Amino acid sequence: MKEPFFLVPSEFEASSLSGLDVKYGLTGIGLVEASLTSILLFQKQPNQRFVLIGWAGGYPDTGLKEGDIVIASKEVWVDFGRRHKDRYEGLPDKLKVRREIEFNPVLIERVENLLKTKGFRPIVGPMATVCATSYDPERSLFFRKEFNVIAENMEGFGVAKAAETFKVDLLEIRVISNLLESPEKPWDFQFASKVLREVVLCLKKL
């Protein structure tokens, strides 16, 4: 069992951890800043187990609700590539670029079972990394159907790529703060923060 180091995108999300005896660091918001910050952390602590936590937007047609806990099975950088009028496409195969990274299924199962023993009902599934939050329901539904993802965030792929490069253990757990089928509805930060705090308390040892 290891004591995890939590990676948190923003100070706002990190306020959920106030008063808890846990190790954490801020990644910054967005794919670029999160990946660069993660590289520095992974270099300094190569034997640490890291958990990326925070909020996420739930995609349409997933059954997700505000406050639901999502464990990422993989991260897909959905808006990376070529943007057509009606679709996104990856770059040509000859460029040999990747837009998907999978997480360790053994660790995922361990965390899923741990949360279930504490009375939670986590959902495991692919998550999307975006450069801009989806405020267009049609865009959200397209990503959902095209990439079979259930929620989106702005850091996951970048942190996962850095973890893969430095061969460190990484999990990603998000709490749904908003539903992308209703983008203009205010995000429920208070509820999402309460759930996130409870998740972290459950994961003090992995």
N, C-alpha and C. Protein backbone atom coordinates (compact mmCIF):
# COMPACT_ATOMS: atom_id res chain seq x y z
N MET A 1 0.84 -1.20 0.00
CA MET A 1 0.00 0.00 0.00
C MET A 1 0.88 1.25 0.00
N LYS A 2 0.54 2.19 -0.84
CA LYS A 2 1.29 3.43 -0.93
C LYS A 2 0.39 4.62 -0.59
N GLU A 3 1.02 5.65 -0.01
CA GLU A 3 0.31 6.89 0.20
C GLU A 3 0.35 7.68 -1.10
N PRO A 4 -0.80 7.96 -1.70
CA PRO A 4 -0.78 8.63 -3.01
C PRO A 4 -0.46 10.12 -2.90
N PHE A 5 0.03 10.64 -4.00
CA PHE A 5 0.23 12.08 -4.17
C PHE A 5 -0.84 12.55 -5.14
N PHE A 6 -1.66 13.48 -4.69
CA PHE A 6 -2.78 13.93 -5.51
C PHE A 6 -2.38 15.13 -6.38
N LEU A 7 -2.76 15.05 -7.64
CA LEU A 7 -2.55 16.14 -8.59
C LEU A 7 -3.89 16.83 -8.80
N VAL A 8 -3.89 18.15 -8.62
CA VAL A 8 -5.14 18.91 -8.67
C VAL A 8 -4.96 20.09 -9.63
N PRO A 9 -5.88 20.28 -10.58
CA PRO A 9 -5.68 21.35 -11.56
C PRO A 9 -5.66 22.76 -10.98
N SER A 10 -6.57 23.08 -10.05
CA SER A 10 -6.72 24.47 -9.62
C SER A 10 -6.76 24.58 -8.10
N GLU A 11 -6.47 25.79 -7.62
CA GLU A 11 -6.58 26.05 -6.19
C GLU A 11 -8.02 25.89 -5.72
N PHE A 12 -8.97 26.22 -6.58
CA PHE A 12 -10.38 26.08 -6.24
C PHE A 12 -10.70 24.62 -5.94
N GLU A 13 -10.27 23.72 -6.82
CA GLU A 13 -10.48 22.29 -6.57
C GLU A 13 -9.69 21.81 -5.36
N ALA A 14 -8.48 22.34 -5.19
CA ALA A 14 -7.64 21.93 -4.07
C ALA A 14 -8.23 22.35 -2.72
N SER A 15 -9.10 23.36 -2.71
CA SER A 15 -9.72 23.77 -1.45
C SER A 15 -10.56 22.64 -0.85
N SER A 16 -10.93 21.66 -1.68
CA SER A 16 -11.66 20.49 -1.19
C SER A 16 -10.83 19.68 -0.22
N LEU A 17 -9.50 19.82 -0.28
CA LEU A 17 -8.59 19.02 0.53
C LEU A 17 -8.17 19.74 1.81
N SER A 18 -8.72 20.91 2.05
CA SER A 18 -8.33 21.71 3.20
C SER A 18 -8.46 20.92 4.50
N GLY A 19 -7.38 20.88 5.27
CA GLY A 19 -7.41 20.21 6.55
C GLY A 19 -7.13 18.72 6.51
N LEU A 20 -7.03 18.15 5.32
CA LEU A 20 -6.74 16.73 5.20
C LEU A 20 -5.23 16.50 5.20
N ASP A 21 -4.82 15.43 5.81
CA ASP A 21 -3.39 15.10 5.89
C ASP A 21 -3.00 14.28 4.66
N VAL A 22 -2.93 14.96 3.51
CA VAL A 22 -2.58 14.30 2.26
C VAL A 22 -1.57 15.16 1.50
N LYS A 23 -0.81 14.51 0.65
CA LYS A 23 0.14 15.21 -0.20
C LYS A 23 -0.53 15.58 -1.52
N TYR A 24 -0.35 16.80 -1.96
CA TYR A 24 -0.91 17.18 -3.26
C TYR A 24 -0.11 18.32 -3.87
N GLY A 25 -0.26 18.47 -5.18
CA GLY A 25 0.36 19.56 -5.90
C GLY A 25 -0.57 20.05 -7.00
N LEU A 26 -0.43 21.31 -7.35
CA LEU A 26 -1.25 21.90 -8.40
C LEU A 26 -0.60 21.67 -9.76
N THR A 27 -1.41 21.26 -10.72
CA THR A 27 -0.90 21.07 -12.08
C THR A 27 -1.09 22.31 -12.93
N GLY A 28 -2.07 23.15 -12.56
CA GLY A 28 -2.50 24.21 -13.45
C GLY A 28 -3.60 23.69 -14.36
N ILE A 29 -4.33 24.62 -14.95
CA ILE A 29 -5.48 24.26 -15.79
C ILE A 29 -5.05 24.19 -17.25
N GLY A 30 -5.52 23.17 -17.94
CA GLY A 30 -5.23 23.02 -19.37
C GLY A 30 -4.14 22.01 -19.62
N LEU A 31 -4.16 21.47 -20.83
CA LEU A 31 -3.29 20.36 -21.19
C LEU A 31 -1.80 20.72 -21.12
N VAL A 32 -1.40 21.87 -21.62
CA VAL A 32 0.02 22.23 -21.68
C VAL A 32 0.58 22.46 -20.29
N GLU A 33 -0.05 23.32 -19.51
CA GLU A 33 0.47 23.63 -18.18
C GLU A 33 0.48 22.38 -17.30
N ALA A 34 -0.58 21.57 -17.38
CA ALA A 34 -0.66 20.37 -16.55
C ALA A 34 0.44 19.37 -16.91
N SER A 35 0.72 19.21 -18.18
CA SER A 35 1.75 18.26 -18.58
C SER A 35 3.13 18.73 -18.14
N LEU A 36 3.43 20.01 -18.29
CA LEU A 36 4.74 20.53 -17.89
C LEU A 36 4.94 20.43 -16.38
N THR A 37 3.93 20.80 -15.62
CA THR A 37 4.03 20.71 -14.17
C THR A 37 4.19 19.27 -13.72
N SER A 38 3.45 18.37 -14.35
CA SER A 38 3.52 16.95 -13.99
C SER A 38 4.91 16.39 -14.26
N ILE A 39 5.52 16.79 -15.35
CA ILE A 39 6.89 16.33 -15.66
C ILE A 39 7.84 16.67 -14.51
N LEU A 40 7.75 17.88 -13.99
CA LEU A 40 8.62 18.29 -12.89
C LEU A 40 8.35 17.46 -11.64
N LEU A 41 7.09 17.21 -11.36
CA LEU A 41 6.74 16.41 -10.18
C LEU A 41 7.19 14.96 -10.33
N PHE A 42 7.01 14.40 -11.52
CA PHE A 42 7.40 13.01 -11.75
C PHE A 42 8.91 12.83 -11.67
N GLN A 43 9.65 13.82 -12.13
CA GLN A 43 11.11 13.74 -12.05
C GLN A 43 11.60 13.76 -10.60
N LYS A 44 10.93 14.53 -9.76
CA LYS A 44 11.35 14.67 -8.37
C LYS A 44 10.92 13.47 -7.52
N GLN A 45 9.81 12.81 -7.92
CA GLN A 45 9.26 11.72 -7.10
C GLN A 45 8.93 10.51 -7.97
N PRO A 46 9.94 9.87 -8.53
CA PRO A 46 9.70 8.80 -9.51
C PRO A 46 9.03 7.55 -8.94
N ASN A 47 9.12 7.33 -7.63
CA ASN A 47 8.55 6.11 -7.03
C ASN A 47 7.20 6.36 -6.37
N GLN A 48 6.65 7.53 -6.55
CA GLN A 48 5.38 7.90 -5.94
C GLN A 48 4.23 7.38 -6.80
N ARG A 49 3.10 7.10 -6.15
CA ARG A 49 1.87 6.79 -6.89
C ARG A 49 1.04 8.07 -6.94
N PHE A 50 0.66 8.48 -8.15
CA PHE A 50 -0.05 9.74 -8.35
C PHE A 50 -1.51 9.50 -8.72
N VAL A 51 -2.37 10.39 -8.23
CA VAL A 51 -3.78 10.35 -8.57
C VAL A 51 -4.20 11.74 -9.02
N LEU A 52 -4.60 11.86 -10.26
CA LEU A 52 -5.13 13.12 -10.79
C LEU A 52 -6.60 13.20 -10.42
N ILE A 53 -6.97 14.25 -9.70
CA ILE A 53 -8.35 14.41 -9.27
C ILE A 53 -8.87 15.78 -9.71
N GLY A 54 -10.18 15.96 -9.62
CA GLY A 54 -10.76 17.25 -9.98
C GLY A 54 -12.19 17.07 -10.46
N TRP A 55 -12.65 18.08 -11.16
CA TRP A 55 -14.01 18.07 -11.67
C TRP A 55 -14.02 17.69 -13.14
N ALA A 56 -15.20 17.33 -13.63
CA ALA A 56 -15.36 17.00 -15.05
C ALA A 56 -16.79 17.31 -15.47
N GLY A 57 -16.96 17.51 -16.78
CA GLY A 57 -18.28 17.71 -17.34
C GLY A 57 -18.80 16.40 -17.92
N GLY A 58 -20.01 16.02 -17.55
CA GLY A 58 -20.60 14.77 -18.02
C GLY A 58 -21.24 14.93 -19.39
N TYR A 59 -20.95 14.00 -20.28
CA TYR A 59 -21.50 14.06 -21.64
C TYR A 59 -22.96 13.60 -21.70
N PRO A 60 -23.68 14.04 -22.74
CA PRO A 60 -25.06 13.58 -22.92
C PRO A 60 -25.12 12.07 -23.17
N ASP A 61 -26.29 11.50 -22.92
CA ASP A 61 -26.55 10.08 -23.19
C ASP A 61 -25.62 9.13 -22.44
N THR A 62 -25.20 9.54 -21.25
CA THR A 62 -24.35 8.68 -20.42
C THR A 62 -25.04 8.28 -19.13
N GLY A 63 -26.10 8.99 -18.77
CA GLY A 63 -26.76 8.73 -17.49
C GLY A 63 -26.04 9.33 -16.31
N LEU A 64 -24.96 10.08 -16.56
CA LEU A 64 -24.22 10.69 -15.46
C LEU A 64 -25.02 11.81 -14.81
N LYS A 65 -24.80 11.97 -13.52
CA LYS A 65 -25.44 13.04 -12.75
C LYS A 65 -24.38 13.85 -12.03
N GLU A 66 -24.72 15.07 -11.65
CA GLU A 66 -23.80 15.89 -10.88
C GLU A 66 -23.47 15.17 -9.57
N GLY A 67 -22.19 15.12 -9.25
CA GLY A 67 -21.75 14.43 -8.05
C GLY A 67 -21.31 13.00 -8.28
N ASP A 68 -21.53 12.47 -9.49
CA ASP A 68 -21.07 11.12 -9.80
C ASP A 68 -19.54 11.07 -9.84
N ILE A 69 -18.99 9.93 -9.46
CA ILE A 69 -17.55 9.71 -9.46
C ILE A 69 -17.17 8.91 -10.70
N VAL A 70 -16.22 9.42 -11.46
CA VAL A 70 -15.77 8.74 -12.68
C VAL A 70 -14.30 8.39 -12.55
N ILE A 71 -13.99 7.12 -12.78
CA ILE A 71 -12.60 6.66 -12.83
C ILE A 71 -12.25 6.46 -14.30
N ALA A 72 -11.22 7.12 -14.76
CA ALA A 72 -10.85 7.05 -16.17
C ALA A 72 -10.19 5.72 -16.50
N SER A 73 -10.72 5.04 -17.50
CA SER A 73 -10.06 3.83 -18.01
C SER A 73 -8.99 4.21 -19.03
N LYS A 74 -9.21 5.32 -19.71
CA LYS A 74 -8.21 5.88 -20.62
C LYS A 74 -8.55 7.34 -20.87
N GLU A 75 -7.59 8.07 -21.42
CA GLU A 75 -7.81 9.45 -21.82
C GLU A 75 -7.69 9.56 -23.33
N VAL A 76 -8.62 10.29 -23.94
CA VAL A 76 -8.62 10.50 -25.38
C VAL A 76 -8.60 12.01 -25.63
N TRP A 77 -7.60 12.47 -26.37
CA TRP A 77 -7.51 13.89 -26.72
C TRP A 77 -8.40 14.10 -27.95
N VAL A 78 -9.65 14.47 -27.70
CA VAL A 78 -10.66 14.40 -28.75
C VAL A 78 -10.60 15.54 -29.75
N ASP A 79 -10.12 16.70 -29.35
CA ASP A 79 -10.10 17.82 -30.32
C ASP A 79 -8.70 18.07 -30.88
N PHE A 80 -7.89 17.01 -30.91
CA PHE A 80 -6.56 17.08 -31.51
C PHE A 80 -6.61 16.44 -32.89
N GLY A 81 -6.16 17.17 -33.90
CA GLY A 81 -6.17 16.61 -35.25
C GLY A 81 -6.67 17.61 -36.26
N ARG A 82 -7.55 17.15 -37.13
CA ARG A 82 -8.07 18.00 -38.22
C ARG A 82 -9.55 18.28 -37.99
N ARG A 83 -9.91 19.55 -37.99
CA ARG A 83 -11.28 19.98 -37.76
C ARG A 83 -11.97 20.24 -39.08
N HIS A 84 -12.96 19.40 -39.41
CA HIS A 84 -13.80 19.62 -40.58
C HIS A 84 -15.09 20.29 -40.14
N LYS A 85 -15.91 20.65 -41.07
CA LYS A 85 -17.16 21.32 -40.74
C LYS A 85 -18.05 20.45 -39.87
N ASP A 86 -18.03 19.14 -40.13
CA ASP A 86 -18.96 18.24 -39.43
C ASP A 86 -18.27 17.17 -38.58
N ARG A 87 -16.96 17.24 -38.44
CA ARG A 87 -16.28 16.18 -37.69
C ARG A 87 -14.83 16.56 -37.37
N TYR A 88 -14.24 15.78 -36.46
CA TYR A 88 -12.81 15.84 -36.19
C TYR A 88 -12.18 14.56 -36.74
N GLU A 89 -10.97 14.68 -37.24
CA GLU A 89 -10.22 13.51 -37.68
C GLU A 89 -8.81 13.58 -37.11
N GLY A 90 -8.21 12.41 -36.90
CA GLY A 90 -6.83 12.38 -36.48
C GLY A 90 -5.91 12.83 -37.59
N LEU A 91 -4.67 13.11 -37.22
CA LEU A 91 -3.67 13.46 -38.21
C LEU A 91 -3.27 12.22 -39.01
N PRO A 92 -2.65 12.38 -40.19
CA PRO A 92 -2.28 11.21 -41.00
C PRO A 92 -1.44 10.21 -40.22
N ASP A 93 -1.67 8.92 -40.47
CA ASP A 93 -0.97 7.85 -39.75
C ASP A 93 0.54 7.97 -39.86
N LYS A 94 1.02 8.47 -40.99
CA LYS A 94 2.47 8.54 -41.19
C LYS A 94 3.16 9.49 -40.20
N LEU A 95 2.38 10.37 -39.57
CA LEU A 95 2.96 11.26 -38.57
C LEU A 95 3.15 10.56 -37.22
N LYS A 96 2.52 9.42 -37.04
CA LYS A 96 2.69 8.57 -35.86
C LYS A 96 2.43 9.34 -34.56
N VAL A 97 1.29 10.00 -34.49
CA VAL A 97 0.91 10.70 -33.26
C VAL A 97 -0.16 9.88 -32.54
N ARG A 98 -0.22 10.05 -31.22
CA ARG A 98 -1.19 9.32 -30.41
C ARG A 98 -2.17 10.29 -29.79
N ARG A 99 -3.39 9.84 -29.66
CA ARG A 99 -4.39 10.66 -28.99
C ARG A 99 -5.10 9.89 -27.88
N GLU A 100 -4.63 8.66 -27.57
CA GLU A 100 -5.23 7.86 -26.51
C GLU A 100 -4.14 7.26 -25.61
N ILE A 101 -4.40 7.25 -24.31
CA ILE A 101 -3.52 6.60 -23.34
C ILE A 101 -4.39 5.87 -22.33
N GLU A 102 -4.10 4.59 -22.11
CA GLU A 102 -4.88 3.78 -21.17
C GLU A 102 -4.22 3.77 -19.80
N PHE A 103 -5.05 3.63 -18.77
CA PHE A 103 -4.57 3.55 -17.40
C PHE A 103 -4.47 2.09 -16.96
N ASN A 104 -3.74 1.86 -15.88
CA ASN A 104 -3.49 0.51 -15.36
C ASN A 104 -4.79 -0.12 -14.86
N PRO A 105 -5.26 -1.20 -15.51
CA PRO A 105 -6.55 -1.79 -15.11
C PRO A 105 -6.53 -2.41 -13.72
N VAL A 106 -5.37 -2.86 -13.27
CA VAL A 106 -5.27 -3.43 -11.92
C VAL A 106 -5.52 -2.36 -10.86
N LEU A 107 -4.90 -1.20 -11.05
CA LEU A 107 -5.11 -0.09 -10.11
C LEU A 107 -6.54 0.43 -10.19
N ILE A 108 -7.09 0.47 -11.39
CA ILE A 108 -8.47 0.92 -11.55
C ILE A 108 -9.42 0.03 -10.77
N GLU A 109 -9.25 -1.28 -10.91
CA GLU A 109 -10.13 -2.22 -10.21
C GLU A 109 -9.98 -2.08 -8.69
N ARG A 110 -8.74 -1.87 -8.23
CA ARG A 110 -8.51 -1.72 -6.79
C ARG A 110 -9.25 -0.51 -6.25
N VAL A 111 -9.14 0.61 -6.96
CA VAL A 111 -9.79 1.84 -6.51
C VAL A 111 -11.32 1.71 -6.61
N GLU A 112 -11.78 1.12 -7.69
CA GLU A 112 -13.23 0.93 -7.85
C GLU A 112 -13.79 0.12 -6.69
N ASN A 113 -13.13 -0.98 -6.34
CA ASN A 113 -13.60 -1.83 -5.25
C ASN A 113 -13.52 -1.10 -3.90
N LEU A 114 -12.45 -0.34 -3.71
CA LEU A 114 -12.29 0.41 -2.47
C LEU A 114 -13.42 1.41 -2.30
N LEU A 115 -13.74 2.15 -3.34
CA LEU A 115 -14.82 3.12 -3.26
C LEU A 115 -16.17 2.45 -3.04
N LYS A 116 -16.36 1.30 -3.65
CA LYS A 116 -17.62 0.58 -3.46
C LYS A 116 -17.79 0.12 -2.01
N THR A 117 -16.70 -0.31 -1.38
CA THR A 117 -16.79 -0.74 0.02
C THR A 117 -17.15 0.43 0.94
N LYS A 118 -16.90 1.65 0.48
CA LYS A 118 -17.23 2.84 1.26
C LYS A 118 -18.62 3.39 0.92
N GLY A 119 -19.34 2.66 0.09
CA GLY A 119 -20.71 3.06 -0.23
C GLY A 119 -20.87 3.90 -1.47
N PHE A 120 -19.78 4.15 -2.21
CA PHE A 120 -19.87 4.92 -3.44
C PHE A 120 -20.20 4.00 -4.62
N ARG A 121 -20.62 4.60 -5.71
CA ARG A 121 -20.92 3.85 -6.94
C ARG A 121 -20.15 4.47 -8.10
N PRO A 122 -18.85 4.27 -8.14
CA PRO A 122 -18.05 4.89 -9.21
C PRO A 122 -18.35 4.30 -10.57
N ILE A 123 -18.19 5.13 -11.59
CA ILE A 123 -18.35 4.69 -12.98
C ILE A 123 -16.98 4.68 -13.63
N VAL A 124 -16.62 3.58 -14.25
CA VAL A 124 -15.33 3.47 -14.95
C VAL A 124 -15.58 3.63 -16.44
N GLY A 125 -14.81 4.48 -17.10
CA GLY A 125 -15.00 4.66 -18.53
C GLY A 125 -13.99 5.61 -19.13
N PRO A 126 -13.95 5.69 -20.45
CA PRO A 126 -13.01 6.59 -21.14
C PRO A 126 -13.39 8.05 -20.92
N MET A 127 -12.38 8.87 -20.72
CA MET A 127 -12.60 10.30 -20.56
C MET A 127 -11.95 11.06 -21.70
N ALA A 128 -12.49 12.23 -21.97
CA ALA A 128 -11.99 13.08 -23.05
C ALA A 128 -11.20 14.24 -22.49
N THR A 129 -10.07 14.53 -23.12
CA THR A 129 -9.34 15.77 -22.85
C THR A 129 -9.65 16.76 -23.98
N VAL A 130 -10.00 17.97 -23.60
CA VAL A 130 -10.31 19.01 -24.58
C VAL A 130 -9.46 20.25 -24.28
N CYS A 131 -9.24 21.04 -25.32
CA CYS A 131 -8.54 22.31 -25.13
C CYS A 131 -9.50 23.43 -24.77
N ALA A 132 -10.76 23.26 -25.12
CA ALA A 132 -11.79 24.24 -24.77
C ALA A 132 -13.02 23.49 -24.28
N THR A 133 -13.54 23.90 -23.15
CA THR A 133 -14.72 23.26 -22.58
C THR A 133 -15.90 23.34 -23.54
N SER A 134 -16.66 22.27 -23.62
CA SER A 134 -17.77 22.20 -24.58
C SER A 134 -19.00 22.92 -24.05
N TYR A 135 -19.31 24.05 -24.68
CA TYR A 135 -20.55 24.77 -24.36
C TYR A 135 -21.56 24.64 -25.50
N ASP A 136 -21.29 23.75 -26.42
CA ASP A 136 -22.18 23.45 -27.54
C ASP A 136 -22.65 22.00 -27.38
N PRO A 137 -23.93 21.78 -27.06
CA PRO A 137 -24.42 20.41 -26.86
C PRO A 137 -24.18 19.50 -28.06
N GLU A 138 -24.21 20.04 -29.27
CA GLU A 138 -23.95 19.22 -30.45
C GLU A 138 -22.50 18.73 -30.47
N ARG A 139 -21.58 19.60 -30.09
CA ARG A 139 -20.16 19.21 -29.98
C ARG A 139 -19.99 18.11 -28.93
N SER A 140 -20.63 18.29 -27.79
CA SER A 140 -20.55 17.30 -26.72
C SER A 140 -21.06 15.94 -27.18
N LEU A 141 -22.20 15.96 -27.86
CA LEU A 141 -22.80 14.71 -28.32
C LEU A 141 -21.94 14.06 -29.39
N PHE A 142 -21.31 14.88 -30.23
CA PHE A 142 -20.41 14.33 -31.25
C PHE A 142 -19.24 13.61 -30.60
N PHE A 143 -18.58 14.25 -29.63
CA PHE A 143 -17.45 13.61 -28.95
C PHE A 143 -17.90 12.33 -28.26
N ARG A 144 -19.06 12.39 -27.64
CA ARG A 144 -19.59 11.21 -26.94
C ARG A 144 -19.73 10.03 -27.89
N LYS A 145 -20.32 10.27 -29.05
CA LYS A 145 -20.58 9.18 -29.99
C LYS A 145 -19.34 8.77 -30.78
N GLU A 146 -18.54 9.74 -31.17
CA GLU A 146 -17.37 9.46 -32.01
C GLU A 146 -16.27 8.72 -31.24
N PHE A 147 -16.07 9.08 -29.98
CA PHE A 147 -14.94 8.53 -29.22
C PHE A 147 -15.38 7.66 -28.04
N ASN A 148 -16.68 7.50 -27.87
CA ASN A 148 -17.22 6.65 -26.80
C ASN A 148 -16.73 7.09 -25.42
N VAL A 149 -16.60 8.40 -25.21
CA VAL A 149 -16.17 8.95 -23.93
C VAL A 149 -17.38 9.36 -23.11
N ILE A 150 -17.20 9.43 -21.79
CA ILE A 150 -18.36 9.71 -20.94
C ILE A 150 -18.29 11.08 -20.26
N ALA A 151 -17.11 11.67 -20.19
CA ALA A 151 -16.96 12.98 -19.54
C ALA A 151 -15.71 13.65 -20.08
N GLU A 152 -15.62 14.97 -19.87
CA GLU A 152 -14.46 15.69 -20.39
C GLU A 152 -13.79 16.53 -19.32
N ASN A 153 -12.48 16.74 -19.54
CA ASN A 153 -11.68 17.59 -18.68
C ASN A 153 -10.62 18.25 -19.56
N MET A 154 -9.74 19.03 -18.97
CA MET A 154 -8.77 19.79 -19.77
C MET A 154 -7.31 19.43 -19.49
N GLU A 155 -7.07 18.40 -18.65
CA GLU A 155 -5.70 18.08 -18.28
C GLU A 155 -5.31 16.62 -18.49
N GLY A 156 -6.26 15.71 -18.52
CA GLY A 156 -5.99 14.29 -18.40
C GLY A 156 -4.95 13.71 -19.34
N PHE A 157 -5.08 13.97 -20.63
CA PHE A 157 -4.15 13.38 -21.60
C PHE A 157 -2.73 13.88 -21.36
N GLY A 158 -2.59 15.16 -21.07
CA GLY A 158 -1.25 15.71 -20.85
C GLY A 158 -0.56 15.09 -19.66
N VAL A 159 -1.28 14.91 -18.56
CA VAL A 159 -0.71 14.30 -17.36
C VAL A 159 -0.42 12.83 -17.62
N ALA A 160 -1.34 12.15 -18.31
CA ALA A 160 -1.15 10.72 -18.60
C ALA A 160 0.06 10.50 -19.51
N LYS A 161 0.27 11.39 -20.47
CA LYS A 161 1.42 11.27 -21.37
C LYS A 161 2.72 11.45 -20.59
N ALA A 162 2.74 12.41 -19.68
CA ALA A 162 3.93 12.62 -18.86
C ALA A 162 4.20 11.40 -17.97
N ALA A 163 3.13 10.83 -17.39
CA ALA A 163 3.29 9.65 -16.52
C ALA A 163 3.81 8.46 -17.32
N GLU A 164 3.30 8.29 -18.52
CA GLU A 164 3.77 7.20 -19.37
C GLU A 164 5.25 7.37 -19.70
N THR A 165 5.65 8.60 -20.01
CA THR A 165 7.04 8.87 -20.36
C THR A 165 7.99 8.56 -19.20
N PHE A 166 7.58 8.90 -17.98
CA PHE A 166 8.44 8.71 -16.81
C PHE A 166 8.14 7.41 -16.07
N LYS A 167 7.22 6.61 -16.62
CA LYS A 167 6.92 5.28 -16.07
C LYS A 167 6.52 5.34 -14.60
N VAL A 168 5.61 6.25 -14.28
CA VAL A 168 5.10 6.33 -12.91
C VAL A 168 3.64 5.89 -12.90
N ASP A 169 3.20 5.42 -11.74
CA ASP A 169 1.80 4.99 -11.58
C ASP A 169 0.90 6.22 -11.56
N LEU A 170 -0.17 6.17 -12.35
CA LEU A 170 -1.13 7.28 -12.37
C LEU A 170 -2.54 6.74 -12.49
N LEU A 171 -3.42 7.30 -11.69
CA LEU A 171 -4.85 7.09 -11.83
C LEU A 171 -5.51 8.45 -12.01
N GLU A 172 -6.71 8.44 -12.58
CA GLU A 172 -7.46 9.69 -12.71
C GLU A 172 -8.88 9.46 -12.23
N ILE A 173 -9.29 10.30 -11.28
CA ILE A 173 -10.64 10.20 -10.71
C ILE A 173 -11.25 11.60 -10.72
N ARG A 174 -12.41 11.71 -11.30
CA ARG A 174 -13.08 13.01 -11.40
C ARG A 174 -14.49 12.93 -10.82
N VAL A 175 -14.97 14.07 -10.35
CA VAL A 175 -16.35 14.20 -9.90
C VAL A 175 -17.09 15.09 -10.88
N ILE A 176 -18.26 14.66 -11.30
CA ILE A 176 -19.04 15.42 -12.27
C ILE A 176 -19.59 16.68 -11.61
N SER A 177 -19.17 17.83 -12.15
CA SER A 177 -19.60 19.13 -11.61
C SER A 177 -20.68 19.78 -12.46
N ASN A 178 -20.81 19.33 -13.70
CA ASN A 178 -21.77 19.94 -14.63
C ASN A 178 -22.10 18.95 -15.73
N LEU A 179 -23.28 19.14 -16.31
CA LEU A 179 -23.76 18.28 -17.39
C LEU A 179 -23.73 19.07 -18.70
N LEU A 180 -23.06 18.52 -19.69
CA LEU A 180 -22.82 19.28 -20.92
C LEU A 180 -24.02 19.33 -21.86
N GLU A 181 -25.07 18.60 -21.53
CA GLU A 181 -26.31 18.78 -22.30
C GLU A 181 -27.02 20.07 -21.90
N SER A 182 -26.64 20.64 -20.74
CA SER A 182 -27.19 21.92 -20.27
C SER A 182 -26.03 22.85 -19.92
N PRO A 183 -25.28 23.31 -20.93
CA PRO A 183 -24.03 24.03 -20.66
C PRO A 183 -24.19 25.35 -19.94
N GLU A 184 -25.36 25.98 -20.04
CA GLU A 184 -25.54 27.28 -19.40
C GLU A 184 -25.94 27.17 -17.94
N LYS A 185 -26.25 25.96 -17.49
CA LYS A 185 -26.58 25.77 -16.08
C LYS A 185 -25.33 25.93 -15.24
N PRO A 186 -25.39 26.68 -14.14
CA PRO A 186 -24.19 26.87 -13.30
C PRO A 186 -23.63 25.53 -12.80
N TRP A 187 -22.31 25.45 -12.74
CA TRP A 187 -21.65 24.25 -12.24
C TRP A 187 -21.91 24.13 -10.74
N ASP A 188 -22.12 22.92 -10.25
CA ASP A 188 -22.38 22.71 -8.82
C ASP A 188 -21.05 22.44 -8.12
N PHE A 189 -20.27 23.49 -7.95
CA PHE A 189 -18.95 23.35 -7.35
C PHE A 189 -19.03 22.85 -5.91
N GLN A 190 -20.01 23.32 -5.17
CA GLN A 190 -20.09 22.97 -3.75
C GLN A 190 -20.32 21.47 -3.57
N PHE A 191 -21.26 20.93 -4.30
CA PHE A 191 -21.55 19.50 -4.20
C PHE A 191 -20.38 18.68 -4.71
N ALA A 192 -19.81 19.08 -5.86
CA ALA A 192 -18.68 18.35 -6.43
C ALA A 192 -17.48 18.36 -5.47
N SER A 193 -17.26 19.47 -4.80
CA SER A 193 -16.15 19.57 -3.85
C SER A 193 -16.37 18.67 -2.65
N LYS A 194 -17.59 18.59 -2.18
CA LYS A 194 -17.91 17.72 -1.04
C LYS A 194 -17.62 16.26 -1.38
N VAL A 195 -18.05 15.83 -2.58
CA VAL A 195 -17.81 14.45 -2.99
C VAL A 195 -16.33 14.20 -3.20
N LEU A 196 -15.64 15.17 -3.81
CA LEU A 196 -14.20 15.02 -4.06
C LEU A 196 -13.44 14.84 -2.75
N ARG A 197 -13.81 15.58 -1.75
CA ARG A 197 -13.17 15.46 -0.45
C ARG A 197 -13.37 14.06 0.13
N GLU A 198 -14.58 13.53 0.00
CA GLU A 198 -14.86 12.19 0.51
C GLU A 198 -14.07 11.13 -0.24
N VAL A 199 -13.90 11.33 -1.54
CA VAL A 199 -13.10 10.38 -2.34
C VAL A 199 -11.66 10.37 -1.87
N VAL A 200 -11.09 11.54 -1.67
CA VAL A 200 -9.70 11.63 -1.24
C VAL A 200 -9.51 10.95 0.12
N LEU A 201 -10.45 11.13 1.02
CA LEU A 201 -10.36 10.46 2.32
C LEU A 201 -10.32 8.94 2.17
N CYS A 202 -11.04 8.42 1.19
CA CYS A 202 -11.04 6.98 0.94
C CYS A 202 -9.73 6.48 0.36
N LEU A 203 -8.99 7.36 -0.29
CA LEU A 203 -7.82 6.94 -1.06
C LEU A 203 -6.49 7.31 -0.40
N LYS A 204 -6.51 7.52 0.89
CA LYS A 204 -5.27 7.92 1.58
C LYS A 204 -4.22 6.82 1.52
N LYS A 205 -4.65 5.59 1.29
CA LYS A 205 -3.72 4.48 1.07
C LYS A 205 -4.20 3.68 -0.14
N LEU A 206 -3.27 3.40 -1.08
CA LEU A 206 -3.60 2.64 -2.28
C LEU A 206 -2.62 1.47 -2.42
